[in-house]
């Protein structure tokens, strides 16, 4: 019975952290310095139900895009965040500071490489559909990549850090009850 109460407390804590992180899209911030990537990685790593793990960041994106405005690059952006959920699922049973940082870095890099392909912007005529056009697109996106990289690392530190600090206060909960491993926190 105690484990169920602690588990529900962990679920509520995770939900609160995700909602707070989602709100960061509405506060003034440098371009790409948001918590969406962290929400995706965190959901994949912590949420037991894989469908829900994907639904959470995509729902946050849809909800916030309904308010902020839909954009022409939604397909690559949403796809990249789905990839980030996969990265979270990949590290689910081996979470530590290094695996979380690695998954965060890989996810940021994949987002940068995919979302800055000129293919997504051909109708806008921003870059020619050539190798030099692609290189120019990547070059122009470097400041955004820096912001995303720092933002993802920052928000992943906050989400995972606060979550595990919060779980420690609700002992005795096993990680197996939350993420499927046998380690105790």
Protein backbone atom coordinates (compact mmCIF):
# COMPACT_ATOMS: atom_id res chain seq x y z
CA UNK A 1 0.00 0.00 0.00
CA UNK A 2 2.81 2.44 0.88
CA UNK A 3 4.50 1.75 -2.45
CA UNK A 4 1.28 2.61 -4.33
CA UNK A 5 1.00 5.94 -2.46
CA UNK A 6 4.64 6.73 -3.14
CA UNK A 7 4.23 5.65 -6.74
CA UNK A 8 1.23 7.92 -7.22
CA UNK A 9 3.26 10.68 -5.58
CA UNK A 10 6.02 10.02 -8.12
CA UNK A 11 3.51 10.21 -10.96
CA UNK A 12 2.14 13.50 -9.66
CA UNK A 13 5.67 14.85 -9.24
CA UNK A 14 6.56 13.85 -12.82
CA UNK A 15 3.34 15.44 -14.11
CA UNK A 16 3.95 18.69 -12.21
CA UNK A 17 7.53 18.87 -13.51
CA UNK A 18 6.32 18.33 -17.09
CA UNK A 19 3.65 21.03 -16.79
CA UNK A 20 6.15 23.51 -15.31
CA UNK A 21 8.62 22.66 -18.10
CA UNK A 22 5.89 23.14 -20.73
CA UNK A 23 5.20 26.64 -19.39
CA UNK A 24 8.77 27.61 -20.28
CA UNK A 25 7.68 27.91 -23.91
CA UNK A 26 5.58 30.91 -22.94
CA UNK A 27 8.16 32.86 -20.98
CA UNK A 28 10.70 35.01 -22.84
CA UNK A 29 13.72 32.91 -23.77
CA UNK A 30 16.45 32.74 -26.41
CA UNK A 31 15.42 30.84 -29.55
CA UNK A 32 15.50 27.04 -29.00
CA UNK A 33 16.21 27.37 -25.26
CA UNK A 34 13.10 25.50 -24.12
CA UNK A 35 12.28 22.42 -22.10
CA UNK A 36 10.53 20.46 -24.86
CA UNK A 37 13.55 18.24 -25.58
CA UNK A 38 13.93 17.57 -21.86
CA UNK A 39 10.23 16.72 -21.57
CA UNK A 40 10.64 14.22 -24.41
CA UNK A 41 13.75 12.59 -22.93
CA UNK A 42 12.28 12.59 -19.42
CA UNK A 43 9.01 11.06 -20.63
CA UNK A 44 10.81 8.28 -22.45
CA UNK A 45 13.05 7.56 -19.48
CA UNK A 46 10.50 7.77 -16.67
CA UNK A 47 7.00 7.03 -17.99
CA UNK A 48 6.24 3.30 -17.97
CA UNK A 49 3.62 3.33 -20.73
CA UNK A 50 5.46 3.93 -24.02
CA UNK A 51 2.36 5.33 -25.72
CA UNK A 52 1.99 7.88 -22.94
CA UNK A 53 5.72 8.64 -23.12
CA UNK A 54 5.26 9.71 -26.77
CA UNK A 55 1.90 11.37 -26.17
CA UNK A 56 3.18 13.72 -23.45
CA UNK A 57 5.75 15.75 -25.46
CA UNK A 58 3.67 15.67 -28.65
CA UNK A 59 0.63 16.92 -26.70
CA UNK A 60 2.72 19.66 -25.09
CA UNK A 61 3.98 20.69 -28.53
CA UNK A 62 0.48 20.69 -30.05
CA UNK A 63 -1.04 22.60 -27.15
CA UNK A 64 1.68 25.23 -27.06
CA UNK A 65 1.77 25.51 -30.87
CA UNK A 66 -2.00 26.13 -30.85
CA UNK A 67 -1.30 29.16 -28.67
CA UNK A 68 2.03 30.29 -30.15
CA UNK A 69 1.10 29.47 -33.74
CA UNK A 70 1.59 26.54 -36.05
CA UNK A 71 4.65 26.58 -38.29
CA UNK A 72 5.80 25.06 -41.56
CA UNK A 73 8.49 22.89 -39.95
CA UNK A 74 6.21 20.99 -37.57
CA UNK A 75 6.83 17.60 -39.22
CA UNK A 76 10.62 17.53 -38.72
CA UNK A 77 10.36 19.15 -35.28
CA UNK A 78 7.78 16.70 -33.95
CA UNK A 79 9.66 13.78 -35.50
CA UNK A 80 12.87 14.84 -33.77
CA UNK A 81 11.12 15.03 -30.41
CA UNK A 82 9.68 11.54 -31.00
CA UNK A 83 13.30 10.42 -31.58
CA UNK A 84 14.19 12.03 -28.24
CA UNK A 85 11.51 9.92 -26.54
CA UNK A 86 13.20 6.85 -28.10
CA UNK A 87 16.48 8.03 -26.59
CA UNK A 88 14.76 8.23 -23.20
CA UNK A 89 13.41 4.71 -23.61
CA UNK A 90 16.91 3.57 -24.57
CA UNK A 91 18.38 4.90 -21.28
CA UNK A 92 15.37 3.94 -19.13
CA UNK A 93 17.11 1.10 -17.33
CA UNK A 94 20.56 2.65 -17.14
CA UNK A 95 19.95 6.19 -16.00
CA UNK A 96 22.88 8.11 -14.63
CA UNK A 97 24.33 11.54 -15.26
CA UNK A 98 26.40 10.28 -18.20
CA UNK A 99 23.62 8.43 -20.02
CA UNK A 100 21.23 11.35 -19.57
CA UNK A 101 23.85 13.85 -20.81
CA UNK A 102 24.75 11.59 -23.75
CA UNK A 103 21.10 11.13 -24.76
CA UNK A 104 20.56 14.88 -24.43
CA UNK A 105 23.56 15.66 -26.65
CA UNK A 106 22.61 13.09 -29.30
CA UNK A 107 19.01 14.32 -29.35
CA UNK A 108 20.12 17.94 -29.74
CA UNK A 109 22.48 17.01 -32.57
CA UNK A 110 19.83 14.97 -34.40
CA UNK A 111 17.37 17.87 -34.02
CA UNK A 112 19.95 20.27 -35.46
CA UNK A 113 20.86 18.02 -38.39
CA UNK A 114 17.30 17.16 -39.37
CA UNK A 115 15.47 20.43 -38.82
CA UNK A 116 18.06 22.47 -40.69
CA UNK A 117 17.98 20.50 -43.91
CA UNK A 118 16.94 22.97 -46.64
CA UNK A 119 14.45 20.38 -47.88
CA UNK A 120 11.99 21.56 -45.19
CA UNK A 121 12.22 25.19 -46.34
CA UNK A 122 12.30 24.85 -50.14
CA UNK A 123 8.98 26.69 -50.52
CA UNK A 124 10.41 29.67 -48.65
CA UNK A 125 13.47 29.77 -50.87
CA UNK A 126 15.77 30.33 -47.89
CA UNK A 127 18.56 28.11 -49.17
CA UNK A 128 19.27 26.47 -52.51
CA UNK A 129 18.81 22.72 -52.67
CA UNK A 130 22.54 22.13 -53.06
CA UNK A 131 25.40 21.01 -50.84
CA UNK A 132 26.47 24.64 -50.39
CA UNK A 133 22.86 25.59 -49.56
CA UNK A 134 22.77 22.85 -46.93
CA UNK A 135 26.08 23.98 -45.45
CA UNK A 136 24.82 27.58 -45.37
CA UNK A 137 21.66 26.44 -43.58
CA UNK A 138 23.70 24.62 -40.94
CA UNK A 139 26.07 27.56 -40.56
CA UNK A 140 23.19 29.98 -40.00
CA UNK A 141 21.63 27.61 -37.45
CA UNK A 142 24.70 27.30 -35.20
CA UNK A 143 23.51 29.99 -32.70
CA UNK A 144 20.18 28.17 -32.37
CA UNK A 145 22.00 24.87 -31.90
CA UNK A 146 24.08 26.35 -29.08
CA UNK A 147 20.91 27.57 -27.36
CA UNK A 148 19.23 24.20 -27.77
CA UNK A 149 22.22 22.27 -26.51
CA UNK A 150 22.54 24.42 -23.40
CA UNK A 151 18.76 24.46 -22.91
CA UNK A 152 18.43 20.69 -23.24
CA UNK A 153 21.27 20.05 -20.79
CA UNK A 154 19.88 22.63 -18.35
CA UNK A 155 16.29 21.42 -18.46
CA UNK A 156 17.28 17.74 -18.38
CA UNK A 157 19.31 18.49 -15.26
CA UNK A 158 16.29 20.21 -13.72
CA UNK A 159 13.69 17.58 -14.67
CA UNK A 160 15.71 14.50 -13.78
CA UNK A 161 17.33 16.17 -10.76
CA UNK A 162 14.11 17.42 -9.17
CA UNK A 163 12.34 14.16 -9.98
CA UNK A 164 14.92 11.99 -8.27
CA UNK A 165 15.27 14.36 -5.32
CA UNK A 166 11.48 14.26 -4.96
CA UNK A 167 11.39 10.47 -5.19
CA UNK A 168 13.97 10.15 -2.43
CA UNK A 169 11.58 11.96 -0.09
CA UNK A 170 8.85 9.39 -0.77
CA UNK A 171 10.90 6.31 0.23
CA UNK A 172 10.58 3.40 0.03
CA UNK A 173 9.96 3.34 -3.70
CA UNK A 174 11.93 1.09 -5.96
CA UNK A 175 12.94 2.23 -9.40
CA UNK A 176 11.40 -1.03 -10.59
CA UNK A 177 8.00 0.32 -9.63
CA UNK A 178 8.64 3.48 -11.65
CA UNK A 179 10.91 2.59 -14.53
CA UNK A 180 11.33 -1.16 -14.46
CA UNK A 181 14.73 -1.70 -12.78
CA UNK A 182 15.51 -3.34 -9.48
CA UNK A 183 17.64 -0.54 -7.98
CA UNK A 184 16.35 1.14 -4.81
CA UNK A 185 16.51 4.88 -4.38
